[in-house]
All heavy atoms as atom14 arrays in JSON, in Angstrom:
{
  "sequence": "KAELEKTEAEIQQMIQKRRLKIQEIKHSVDLSKEDANREKAEGVQV",
  "atom14_mask": [
    [1, 1, 1, 1, 1, 1, 1, 1, 1, 0, 0, 0, 0, 0],
    [1, 1, 1, 1, 1, 0, 0, 0, 0, 0, 0, 0, 0, 0],
    [1, 1, 1, 1, 1, 1, 1, 1, 1, 0, 0, 0, 0, 0],
    [1, 1, 1, 1, 1, 1, 1, 1, 0, 0, 0, 0, 0, 0],
    [1, 1, 1, 1, 1, 1, 1, 1, 1, 0, 0, 0, 0, 0],
    [1, 1, 1, 1, 1, 1, 1, 1, 1, 0, 0, 0, 0, 0],
    [1, 1, 1, 1, 1, 1, 1, 0, 0, 0, 0, 0, 0, 0],
    [1, 1, 1, 1, 1, 1, 1, 1, 1, 0, 0, 0, 0, 0],
    [1, 1, 1, 1, 1, 0, 0, 0, 0, 0, 0, 0, 0, 0],
    [1, 1, 1, 1, 1, 1, 1, 1, 1, 0, 0, 0, 0, 0],
    [1, 1, 1, 1, 1, 1, 1, 1, 0, 0, 0, 0, 0, 0],
    [1, 1, 1, 1, 1, 1, 1, 1, 1, 0, 0, 0, 0, 0],
    [1, 1, 1, 1, 1, 1, 1, 1, 1, 0, 0, 0, 0, 0],
    [1, 1, 1, 1, 1, 1, 1, 1, 0, 0, 0, 0, 0, 0],
    [1, 1, 1, 1, 1, 1, 1, 1, 0, 0, 0, 0, 0, 0],
    [1, 1, 1, 1, 1, 1, 1, 1, 1, 0, 0, 0, 0, 0],
    [1, 1, 1, 1, 1, 1, 1, 1, 1, 0, 0, 0, 0, 0],
    [1, 1, 1, 1, 1, 1, 1, 1, 1, 1, 1, 0, 0, 0],
    [1, 1, 1, 1, 1, 1, 1, 1, 1, 1, 1, 0, 0, 0],
    [1, 1, 1, 1, 1, 1, 1, 1, 0, 0, 0, 0, 0, 0],
    [1, 1, 1, 1, 1, 1, 1, 1, 1, 0, 0, 0, 0, 0],
    [1, 1, 1, 1, 1, 1, 1, 1, 0, 0, 0, 0, 0, 0],
    [1, 1, 1, 1, 1, 1, 1, 1, 1, 0, 0, 0, 0, 0],
    [1, 1, 1, 1, 1, 1, 1, 1, 1, 0, 0, 0, 0, 0],
    [1, 1, 1, 1, 1, 1, 1, 1, 0, 0, 0, 0, 0, 0],
    [1, 1, 1, 1, 1, 1, 1, 1, 1, 0, 0, 0, 0, 0],
    [1, 1, 1, 1, 1, 1, 1, 1, 1, 1, 0, 0, 0, 0],
    [1, 1, 1, 1, 1, 1, 0, 0, 0, 0, 0, 0, 0, 0],
    [1, 1, 1, 1, 1, 1, 1, 0, 0, 0, 0, 0, 0, 0],
    [1, 1, 1, 1, 1, 1, 1, 1, 0, 0, 0, 0, 0, 0],
    [1, 1, 1, 1, 1, 1, 1, 1, 0, 0, 0, 0, 0, 0],
    [1, 1, 1, 1, 1, 1, 0, 0, 0, 0, 0, 0, 0, 0],
    [1, 1, 1, 1, 1, 1, 1, 1, 1, 0, 0, 0, 0, 0],
    [1, 1, 1, 1, 1, 1, 1, 1, 1, 0, 0, 0, 0, 0],
    [1, 1, 1, 1, 1, 1, 1, 1, 0, 0, 0, 0, 0, 0],
    [1, 1, 1, 1, 1, 0, 0, 0, 0, 0, 0, 0, 0, 0],
    [1, 1, 1, 1, 1, 1, 1, 1, 0, 0, 0, 0, 0, 0],
    [1, 1, 1, 1, 1, 1, 1, 1, 1, 1, 1, 0, 0, 0],
    [1, 1, 1, 1, 1, 1, 1, 1, 1, 0, 0, 0, 0, 0],
    [1, 1, 1, 1, 1, 1, 1, 1, 1, 0, 0, 0, 0, 0],
    [1, 1, 1, 1, 1, 0, 0, 0, 0, 0, 0, 0, 0, 0],
    [1, 1, 1, 1, 1, 1, 1, 1, 1, 0, 0, 0, 0, 0],
    [1, 1, 1, 1, 0, 0, 0, 0, 0, 0, 0, 0, 0, 0],
    [1, 1, 1, 1, 1, 1, 1, 0, 0, 0, 0, 0, 0, 0],
    [1, 1, 1, 1, 1, 1, 1, 1, 1, 0, 0, 0, 0, 0],
    [1, 1, 1, 1, 1, 1, 1, 0, 0, 0, 0, 0, 0, 0]
  ],
  "atom14_positions": [
    [[-3.67, 30.29, -27.91], [-4.39, 29.11, -27.42], [-3.76, 27.84, -27.97], [-3.61, 26.83, -27.25], [-5.86, 29.2, -27.84], [-6.71, 28.05, -27.26], [-8.17, 28.2, -27.64], [-9.0, 27.08, -27.04], [-10.41, 27.16, -27.41], [0.0, 0.0, 0.0], [0.0, 0.0, 0.0], [0.0, 0.0, 0.0], [0.0, 0.0, 0.0], [0.0, 0.0, 0.0]],
    [[-3.37, 27.89, -29.26], [-2.7, 26.73, -29.86], [-1.38, 26.46, -29.14], [-1.03, 25.3, -28.87], [-2.46, 26.97, -31.35], [0.0, 0.0, 0.0], [0.0, 0.0, 0.0], [0.0, 0.0, 0.0], [0.0, 0.0, 0.0], [0.0, 0.0, 0.0], [0.0, 0.0, 0.0], [0.0, 0.0, 0.0], [0.0, 0.0, 0.0], [0.0, 0.0, 0.0]],
    [[-0.67, 27.56, -28.82], [0.59, 27.39, -28.09], [0.34, 26.79, -26.71], [1.07, 25.91, -26.25], [1.3, 28.74, -27.94], [1.87, 29.3, -29.25], [2.54, 30.65, -29.03], [2.68, 31.04, -27.85], [2.92, 31.28, -30.02], [0.0, 0.0, 0.0], [0.0, 0.0, 0.0], [0.0, 0.0, 0.0], [0.0, 0.0, 0.0], [0.0, 0.0, 0.0]],
    [[-0.7, 27.29, -26.04], [-1.02, 26.76, -24.71], [-1.43, 25.3, -24.78], [-1.08, 24.5, -23.9], [-2.13, 27.59, -24.07], [-1.74, 29.01, -23.66], [-2.96, 29.79, -23.18], [-0.67, 28.98, -22.57], [0.0, 0.0, 0.0], [0.0, 0.0, 0.0], [0.0, 0.0, 0.0], [0.0, 0.0, 0.0], [0.0, 0.0, 0.0], [0.0, 0.0, 0.0]],
    [[-2.2, 24.98, -25.83], [-2.6, 23.57, -25.98], [-1.39, 22.68, -26.2], [-1.29, 21.57, -25.69], [-3.59, 23.44, -27.13], [-4.97, 24.03, -26.83], [-5.89, 24.02, -28.03], [-5.4, 23.72, -29.14], [-7.1, 24.3, -27.86], [0.0, 0.0, 0.0], [0.0, 0.0, 0.0], [0.0, 0.0, 0.0], [0.0, 0.0, 0.0], [0.0, 0.0, 0.0]],
    [[-0.43, 23.22, -27.01], [0.8, 22.48, -27.23], [1.59, 22.34, -25.93], [2.1, 21.25, -25.61], [1.65, 23.19, -28.28], [2.95, 22.48, -28.62], [3.74, 23.26, -29.66], [5.06, 22.55, -29.97], [5.87, 23.31, -30.95], [0.0, 0.0, 0.0], [0.0, 0.0, 0.0], [0.0, 0.0, 0.0], [0.0, 0.0, 0.0], [0.0, 0.0, 0.0]],
    [[1.66, 23.47, -25.18], [2.35, 23.43, -23.89], [1.67, 22.46, -22.94], [2.33, 21.69, -22.22], [2.38, 24.84, -23.27], [3.05, 25.73, -24.17], [3.1, 24.82, -21.93], [0.0, 0.0, 0.0], [0.0, 0.0, 0.0], [0.0, 0.0, 0.0], [0.0, 0.0, 0.0], [0.0, 0.0, 0.0], [0.0, 0.0, 0.0], [0.0, 0.0, 0.0]],
    [[0.33, 22.49, -22.95], [-0.42, 21.57, -22.1], [-0.13, 20.13, -22.46], [0.06, 19.27, -21.58], [-1.93, 21.86, -22.23], [-2.77, 20.96, -21.34], [-4.26, 21.18, -21.55], [-4.62, 21.95, -22.45], [-5.05, 20.55, -20.81], [0.0, 0.0, 0.0], [0.0, 0.0, 0.0], [0.0, 0.0, 0.0], [0.0, 0.0, 0.0], [0.0, 0.0, 0.0]],
    [[-0.09, 19.87, -23.79], [0.21, 18.5, -24.23], [1.62, 18.09, -23.79], [1.83, 16.95, -23.35], [0.09, 18.41, -25.76], [0.0, 0.0, 0.0], [0.0, 0.0, 0.0], [0.0, 0.0, 0.0], [0.0, 0.0, 0.0], [0.0, 0.0, 0.0], [0.0, 0.0, 0.0], [0.0, 0.0, 0.0], [0.0, 0.0, 0.0], [0.0, 0.0, 0.0]],
    [[2.57, 19.05, -23.9], [3.93, 18.75, -23.47], [3.98, 18.49, -21.97], [4.68, 17.59, -21.51], [4.86, 19.91, -23.84], [5.08, 20.06, -25.35], [5.87, 21.31, -25.69], [6.09, 22.14, -24.76], [6.26, 21.47, -26.86], [0.0, 0.0, 0.0], [0.0, 0.0, 0.0], [0.0, 0.0, 0.0], [0.0, 0.0, 0.0], [0.0, 0.0, 0.0]],
    [[3.25, 19.32, -21.21], [3.22, 19.13, -19.76], [2.6, 17.78, -19.41], [3.1, 17.05, -18.54], [2.46, 20.28, -19.08], [3.23, 21.59, -19.25], [2.22, 19.99, -17.6], [2.49, 22.81, -18.77], [0.0, 0.0, 0.0], [0.0, 0.0, 0.0], [0.0, 0.0, 0.0], [0.0, 0.0, 0.0], [0.0, 0.0, 0.0], [0.0, 0.0, 0.0]],
    [[1.49, 17.47, -20.1], [0.85, 16.17, -19.87], [1.81, 15.02, -20.18], [1.85, 14.01, -19.46], [-0.42, 16.05, -20.72], [-1.57, 16.94, -20.27], [-2.1, 16.53, -18.9], [-1.99, 15.38, -18.48], [-2.69, 17.49, -18.19], [0.0, 0.0, 0.0], [0.0, 0.0, 0.0], [0.0, 0.0, 0.0], [0.0, 0.0, 0.0], [0.0, 0.0, 0.0]],
    [[2.57, 15.21, -21.26], [3.54, 14.19, -21.63], [4.63, 14.08, -20.55], [5.05, 12.97, -20.19], [4.18, 14.53, -22.98], [5.06, 13.41, -23.55], [5.57, 13.75, -24.93], [5.49, 14.88, -25.37], [6.11, 12.75, -25.6], [0.0, 0.0, 0.0], [0.0, 0.0, 0.0], [0.0, 0.0, 0.0], [0.0, 0.0, 0.0], [0.0, 0.0, 0.0]],
    [[5.08, 15.23, -20.04], [6.07, 15.22, -18.96], [5.51, 14.55, -17.72], [6.21, 13.78, -17.03], [6.51, 16.64, -18.65], [7.3, 17.31, -19.78], [7.59, 19.08, -19.48], [8.66, 19.01, -18.05], [0.0, 0.0, 0.0], [0.0, 0.0, 0.0], [0.0, 0.0, 0.0], [0.0, 0.0, 0.0], [0.0, 0.0, 0.0], [0.0, 0.0, 0.0]],
    [[4.24, 14.86, -17.43], [3.6, 14.23, -16.26], [3.53, 12.73, -16.45], [3.84, 11.95, -15.53], [2.19, 14.82, -16.05], [2.29, 16.29, -15.6], [1.41, 14.01, -15.02], [0.97, 17.01, -15.57], [0.0, 0.0, 0.0], [0.0, 0.0, 0.0], [0.0, 0.0, 0.0], [0.0, 0.0, 0.0], [0.0, 0.0, 0.0], [0.0, 0.0, 0.0]],
    [[3.13, 12.31, -17.67], [3.02, 10.89, -17.95], [4.38, 10.2, -17.83], [4.48, 9.09, -17.27], [2.44, 10.68, -19.36], [2.2, 9.22, -19.72], [1.17, 8.57, -18.81], [0.37, 9.23, -18.17], [1.21, 7.25, -18.74], [0.0, 0.0, 0.0], [0.0, 0.0, 0.0], [0.0, 0.0, 0.0], [0.0, 0.0, 0.0], [0.0, 0.0, 0.0]],
    [[5.42, 10.87, -18.36], [6.76, 10.3, -18.25], [7.18, 10.13, -16.81], [7.78, 9.12, -16.42], [7.77, 11.19, -18.98], [7.73, 11.08, -20.5], [8.8, 11.95, -21.14], [8.79, 11.83, -22.66], [9.82, 12.68, -23.29], [0.0, 0.0, 0.0], [0.0, 0.0, 0.0], [0.0, 0.0, 0.0], [0.0, 0.0, 0.0], [0.0, 0.0, 0.0]],
    [[6.84, 11.12, -15.99], [7.21, 11.04, -14.59], [6.4, 9.99, -13.84], [6.92, 9.34, -12.92], [7.06, 12.43, -13.94], [8.26, 13.33, -14.26], [7.93, 14.8, -14.28], [9.11, 15.58, -14.63], [9.61, 15.68, -15.87], [9.0, 15.07, -16.88], [10.71, 16.39, -16.1], [0.0, 0.0, 0.0], [0.0, 0.0, 0.0], [0.0, 0.0, 0.0]],
    [[5.14, 9.84, -14.25], [4.35, 8.76, -13.65], [4.93, 7.39, -14.02], [4.98, 6.48, -13.18], [2.89, 8.87, -14.1], [2.14, 10.01, -13.41], [0.75, 10.18, -13.96], [0.01, 11.2, -13.21], [-1.14, 11.75, -13.62], [-1.66, 11.38, -14.78], [-1.74, 12.66, -12.87], [0.0, 0.0, 0.0], [0.0, 0.0, 0.0], [0.0, 0.0, 0.0]],
    [[5.33, 7.29, -15.29], [5.97, 6.04, -15.73], [7.28, 5.82, -14.98], [7.62, 4.69, -14.63], [6.21, 6.07, -17.24], [4.97, 6.02, -18.12], [5.34, 6.19, -19.59], [4.21, 4.71, -17.93], [0.0, 0.0, 0.0], [0.0, 0.0, 0.0], [0.0, 0.0, 0.0], [0.0, 0.0, 0.0], [0.0, 0.0, 0.0], [0.0, 0.0, 0.0]],
    [[8.01, 6.94, -14.76], [9.27, 6.82, -14.02], [9.01, 6.37, -12.59], [9.76, 5.57, -12.03], [10.01, 8.15, -14.05], [11.34, 8.17, -13.31], [12.31, 7.13, -13.86], [12.77, 7.44, -15.25], [13.81, 6.49, -15.72], [0.0, 0.0, 0.0], [0.0, 0.0, 0.0], [0.0, 0.0, 0.0], [0.0, 0.0, 0.0], [0.0, 0.0, 0.0]],
    [[7.94, 6.89, -11.99], [7.56, 6.45, -10.64], [7.28, 4.95, -10.63], [7.74, 4.22, -9.75], [6.35, 7.25, -10.13], [6.75, 8.7, -9.85], [5.76, 6.6, -8.87], [5.58, 9.6, -9.5], [0.0, 0.0, 0.0], [0.0, 0.0, 0.0], [0.0, 0.0, 0.0], [0.0, 0.0, 0.0], [0.0, 0.0, 0.0], [0.0, 0.0, 0.0]],
    [[6.52, 4.51, -11.65], [6.23, 3.07, -11.75], [7.51, 2.27, -11.93], [7.68, 1.2, -11.33], [5.27, 2.81, -12.91], [3.87, 3.4, -12.71], [2.96, 3.16, -13.91], [3.35, 2.52, -14.88], [1.76, 3.7, -13.84], [0.0, 0.0, 0.0], [0.0, 0.0, 0.0], [0.0, 0.0, 0.0], [0.0, 0.0, 0.0], [0.0, 0.0, 0.0]],
    [[8.41, 2.83, -12.77], [9.69, 2.15, -13.0], [10.49, 2.04, -11.72], [11.05, 0.99, -11.4], [10.48, 2.91, -14.07], [11.85, 2.32, -14.38], [12.64, 3.2, -15.32], [12.02, 3.9, -16.17], [13.88, 3.21, -15.21], [0.0, 0.0, 0.0], [0.0, 0.0, 0.0], [0.0, 0.0, 0.0], [0.0, 0.0, 0.0], [0.0, 0.0, 0.0]],
    [[10.53, 3.15, -10.96], [11.28, 3.15, -9.7], [10.66, 2.18, -8.71], [11.36, 1.41, -8.04], [11.33, 4.58, -9.12], [12.19, 5.48, -10.03], [11.89, 4.56, -7.69], [12.15, 6.95, -9.64], [0.0, 0.0, 0.0], [0.0, 0.0, 0.0], [0.0, 0.0, 0.0], [0.0, 0.0, 0.0], [0.0, 0.0, 0.0], [0.0, 0.0, 0.0]],
    [[9.32, 2.22, -8.61], [8.64, 1.29, -7.7], [8.9, -0.16, -8.12], [9.12, -1.03, -7.26], [7.14, 1.57, -7.7], [6.74, 2.86, -6.97], [5.24, 3.04, -6.96], [4.83, 4.3, -6.18], [3.37, 4.49, -6.17], [0.0, 0.0, 0.0], [0.0, 0.0, 0.0], [0.0, 0.0, 0.0], [0.0, 0.0, 0.0], [0.0, 0.0, 0.0]],
    [[8.89, -0.38, -9.45], [9.17, -1.73, -9.94], [10.59, -2.14, -9.59], [10.84, -3.29, -9.2], [8.95, -1.78, -11.45], [9.16, -3.14, -12.05], [8.39, -4.23, -11.7], [10.07, -3.58, -12.97], [8.82, -5.29, -12.38], [9.83, -4.92, -13.15], [0.0, 0.0, 0.0], [0.0, 0.0, 0.0], [0.0, 0.0, 0.0], [0.0, 0.0, 0.0]],
    [[11.53, -1.19, -9.72], [12.92, -1.48, -9.36], [13.04, -1.82, -7.88], [13.77, -2.74, -7.49], [13.82, -0.28, -9.7], [13.82, -0.02, -11.08], [0.0, 0.0, 0.0], [0.0, 0.0, 0.0], [0.0, 0.0, 0.0], [0.0, 0.0, 0.0], [0.0, 0.0, 0.0], [0.0, 0.0, 0.0], [0.0, 0.0, 0.0], [0.0, 0.0, 0.0]],
    [[12.29, -1.06, -7.05], [12.3, -1.34, -5.61], [11.73, -2.73, -5.34], [12.26, -3.5, -4.53], [11.51, -0.27, -4.84], [11.34, -0.66, -3.38], [12.21, 1.08, -4.95], [0.0, 0.0, 0.0], [0.0, 0.0, 0.0], [0.0, 0.0, 0.0], [0.0, 0.0, 0.0], [0.0, 0.0, 0.0], [0.0, 0.0, 0.0], [0.0, 0.0, 0.0]],
    [[10.64, -3.07, -6.05], [10.04, -4.41, -5.88], [11.03, -5.5, -6.29], [11.18, -6.51, -5.6], [8.76, -4.52, -6.71], [7.64, -3.64, -6.16], [7.71, -3.28, -4.97], [6.71, -3.31, -6.92], [0.0, 0.0, 0.0], [0.0, 0.0, 0.0], [0.0, 0.0, 0.0], [0.0, 0.0, 0.0], [0.0, 0.0, 0.0], [0.0, 0.0, 0.0]],
    [[11.71, -5.27, -7.43], [12.7, -6.25, -7.88], [13.84, -6.36, -6.88], [14.32, -7.46, -6.57], [13.25, -5.85, -9.26], [12.29, -5.97, -10.45], [12.98, -5.5, -11.72], [11.8, -7.41, -10.61], [0.0, 0.0, 0.0], [0.0, 0.0, 0.0], [0.0, 0.0, 0.0], [0.0, 0.0, 0.0], [0.0, 0.0, 0.0], [0.0, 0.0, 0.0]],
    [[14.27, -5.19, -6.37], [15.34, -5.2, -5.38], [14.91, -5.96, -4.12], [15.7, -6.72, -3.54], [15.72, -3.76, -5.02], [16.68, -3.73, -4.0], [0.0, 0.0, 0.0], [0.0, 0.0, 0.0], [0.0, 0.0, 0.0], [0.0, 0.0, 0.0], [0.0, 0.0, 0.0], [0.0, 0.0, 0.0], [0.0, 0.0, 0.0], [0.0, 0.0, 0.0]],
    [[13.66, -5.74, -3.73], [13.15, -6.43, -2.55], [13.1, -7.94, -2.79], [13.47, -8.74, -1.91], [11.75, -5.9, -2.2], [11.21, -6.41, -0.87], [9.89, -5.74, -0.54], [9.36, -6.19, 0.81], [8.09, -5.53, 1.15], [0.0, 0.0, 0.0], [0.0, 0.0, 0.0], [0.0, 0.0, 0.0], [0.0, 0.0, 0.0], [0.0, 0.0, 0.0]],
    [[12.65, -8.33, -3.99], [12.62, -9.75, -4.33], [14.02, -10.34, -4.31], [14.25, -11.42, -3.75], [11.98, -9.95, -5.7], [10.48, -9.65, -5.74], [9.91, -9.77, -7.15], [10.67, -10.18, -8.06], [8.72, -9.47, -7.34], [0.0, 0.0, 0.0], [0.0, 0.0, 0.0], [0.0, 0.0, 0.0], [0.0, 0.0, 0.0], [0.0, 0.0, 0.0]],
    [[14.97, -9.59, -4.92], [16.36, -10.06, -4.92], [16.9, -10.17, -3.51], [17.6, -11.14, -3.16], [17.24, -9.12, -5.75], [16.93, -9.19, -7.23], [16.28, -10.17, -7.65], [17.32, -8.27, -7.97], [0.0, 0.0, 0.0], [0.0, 0.0, 0.0], [0.0, 0.0, 0.0], [0.0, 0.0, 0.0], [0.0, 0.0, 0.0], [0.0, 0.0, 0.0]],
    [[16.59, -9.15, -2.69], [17.09, -9.15, -1.31], [16.51, -10.33, -0.53], [17.23, -11.02, 0.2], [16.73, -7.83, -0.63], [0.0, 0.0, 0.0], [0.0, 0.0, 0.0], [0.0, 0.0, 0.0], [0.0, 0.0, 0.0], [0.0, 0.0, 0.0], [0.0, 0.0, 0.0], [0.0, 0.0, 0.0], [0.0, 0.0, 0.0], [0.0, 0.0, 0.0]],
    [[15.2, -10.56, -0.69], [14.56, -11.68, 0.02], [15.14, -13.02, -0.45], [15.39, -13.91, 0.36], [13.05, -11.65, -0.2], [12.39, -10.5, 0.53], [12.92, -9.99, 1.51], [11.23, -10.07, 0.07], [0.0, 0.0, 0.0], [0.0, 0.0, 0.0], [0.0, 0.0, 0.0], [0.0, 0.0, 0.0], [0.0, 0.0, 0.0], [0.0, 0.0, 0.0]],
    [[15.33, -13.12, -1.77], [15.9, -14.37, -2.3], [17.33, -14.57, -1.79], [17.71, -15.67, -1.37], [15.89, -14.35, -3.83], [16.41, -15.65, -4.45], [16.46, -15.62, -5.95], [17.42, -14.64, -6.41], [17.08, -13.53, -7.05], [15.81, -13.24, -7.28], [18.0, -12.67, -7.45], [0.0, 0.0, 0.0], [0.0, 0.0, 0.0], [0.0, 0.0, 0.0]],
    [[18.09, -13.46, -1.81], [19.47, -13.56, -1.35], [19.54, -13.92, 0.13], [20.37, -14.71, 0.56], [20.19, -12.23, -1.62], [21.7, -12.33, -1.64], [22.23, -13.05, -2.85], [21.5, -13.19, -3.85], [23.39, -13.5, -2.8], [0.0, 0.0, 0.0], [0.0, 0.0, 0.0], [0.0, 0.0, 0.0], [0.0, 0.0, 0.0], [0.0, 0.0, 0.0]],
    [[18.63, -13.3, 0.93], [18.61, -13.61, 2.36], [18.23, -15.07, 2.58], [18.85, -15.75, 3.4], [17.61, -12.69, 3.08], [18.11, -11.28, 3.27], [17.24, -10.51, 4.25], [15.85, -10.28, 3.72], [15.03, -9.43, 4.6], [0.0, 0.0, 0.0], [0.0, 0.0, 0.0], [0.0, 0.0, 0.0], [0.0, 0.0, 0.0], [0.0, 0.0, 0.0]],
    [[17.21, -15.54, 1.83], [16.78, -16.92, 1.99], [17.91, -17.88, 1.62], [18.17, -18.86, 2.33], [15.54, -17.19, 1.12], [0.0, 0.0, 0.0], [0.0, 0.0, 0.0], [0.0, 0.0, 0.0], [0.0, 0.0, 0.0], [0.0, 0.0, 0.0], [0.0, 0.0, 0.0], [0.0, 0.0, 0.0], [0.0, 0.0, 0.0], [0.0, 0.0, 0.0]],
    [[18.57, -17.59, 0.5], [19.67, -18.45, 0.09], [20.82, -18.36, 1.09], [21.46, -19.37, 1.41], [20.15, -18.07, -1.31], [19.14, -18.38, -2.4], [19.65, -17.96, -3.77], [20.74, -17.39, -3.85], [18.94, -18.25, -4.77], [0.0, 0.0, 0.0], [0.0, 0.0, 0.0], [0.0, 0.0, 0.0], [0.0, 0.0, 0.0], [0.0, 0.0, 0.0]],
    [[21.07, -17.14, 1.58], [22.14, -16.98, 2.56], [21.86, -17.75, 3.84], [22.75, -18.42, 4.38], [0.0, 0.0, 0.0], [0.0, 0.0, 0.0], [0.0, 0.0, 0.0], [0.0, 0.0, 0.0], [0.0, 0.0, 0.0], [0.0, 0.0, 0.0], [0.0, 0.0, 0.0], [0.0, 0.0, 0.0], [0.0, 0.0, 0.0], [0.0, 0.0, 0.0]],
    [[20.63, -17.65, 4.32], [20.24, -18.39, 5.52], [20.4, -19.89, 5.29], [20.94, -20.61, 6.14], [18.79, -18.05, 5.92], [18.29, -19.01, 7.0], [18.69, -16.62, 6.41], [0.0, 0.0, 0.0], [0.0, 0.0, 0.0], [0.0, 0.0, 0.0], [0.0, 0.0, 0.0], [0.0, 0.0, 0.0], [0.0, 0.0, 0.0], [0.0, 0.0, 0.0]],
    [[19.94, -20.35, 4.13], [20.03, -21.78, 3.82], [21.49, -22.23, 3.78], [21.84, -23.28, 4.34], [19.36, -22.04, 2.47], [19.33, -23.52, 2.08], [18.6, -23.72, 0.76], [18.08, -22.79, 0.18], [18.58, -24.94, 0.29], [0.0, 0.0, 0.0], [0.0, 0.0, 0.0], [0.0, 0.0, 0.0], [0.0, 0.0, 0.0], [0.0, 0.0, 0.0]],
    [[22.33, -21.43, 3.13], [23.75, -21.79, 3.02], [24.41, -21.8, 4.39], [25.13, -22.75, 4.74], [24.48, -20.81, 2.07], [25.98, -20.99, 2.17], [24.02, -21.03, 0.64], [0.0, 0.0, 0.0], [0.0, 0.0, 0.0], [0.0, 0.0, 0.0], [0.0, 0.0, 0.0], [0.0, 0.0, 0.0], [0.0, 0.0, 0.0], [0.0, 0.0, 0.0]]
  ]
}
């Protein structure tokens, strides 16, 4: 049971890391979108 609890904690930690990675990826996509929009706006202006 102690081993399973440890495994569960590790799995939960892995899940949390992957959720954070999802947030990180989504944030990267948002930043990329912001950069793309800014670049397009500047390009259009130029």
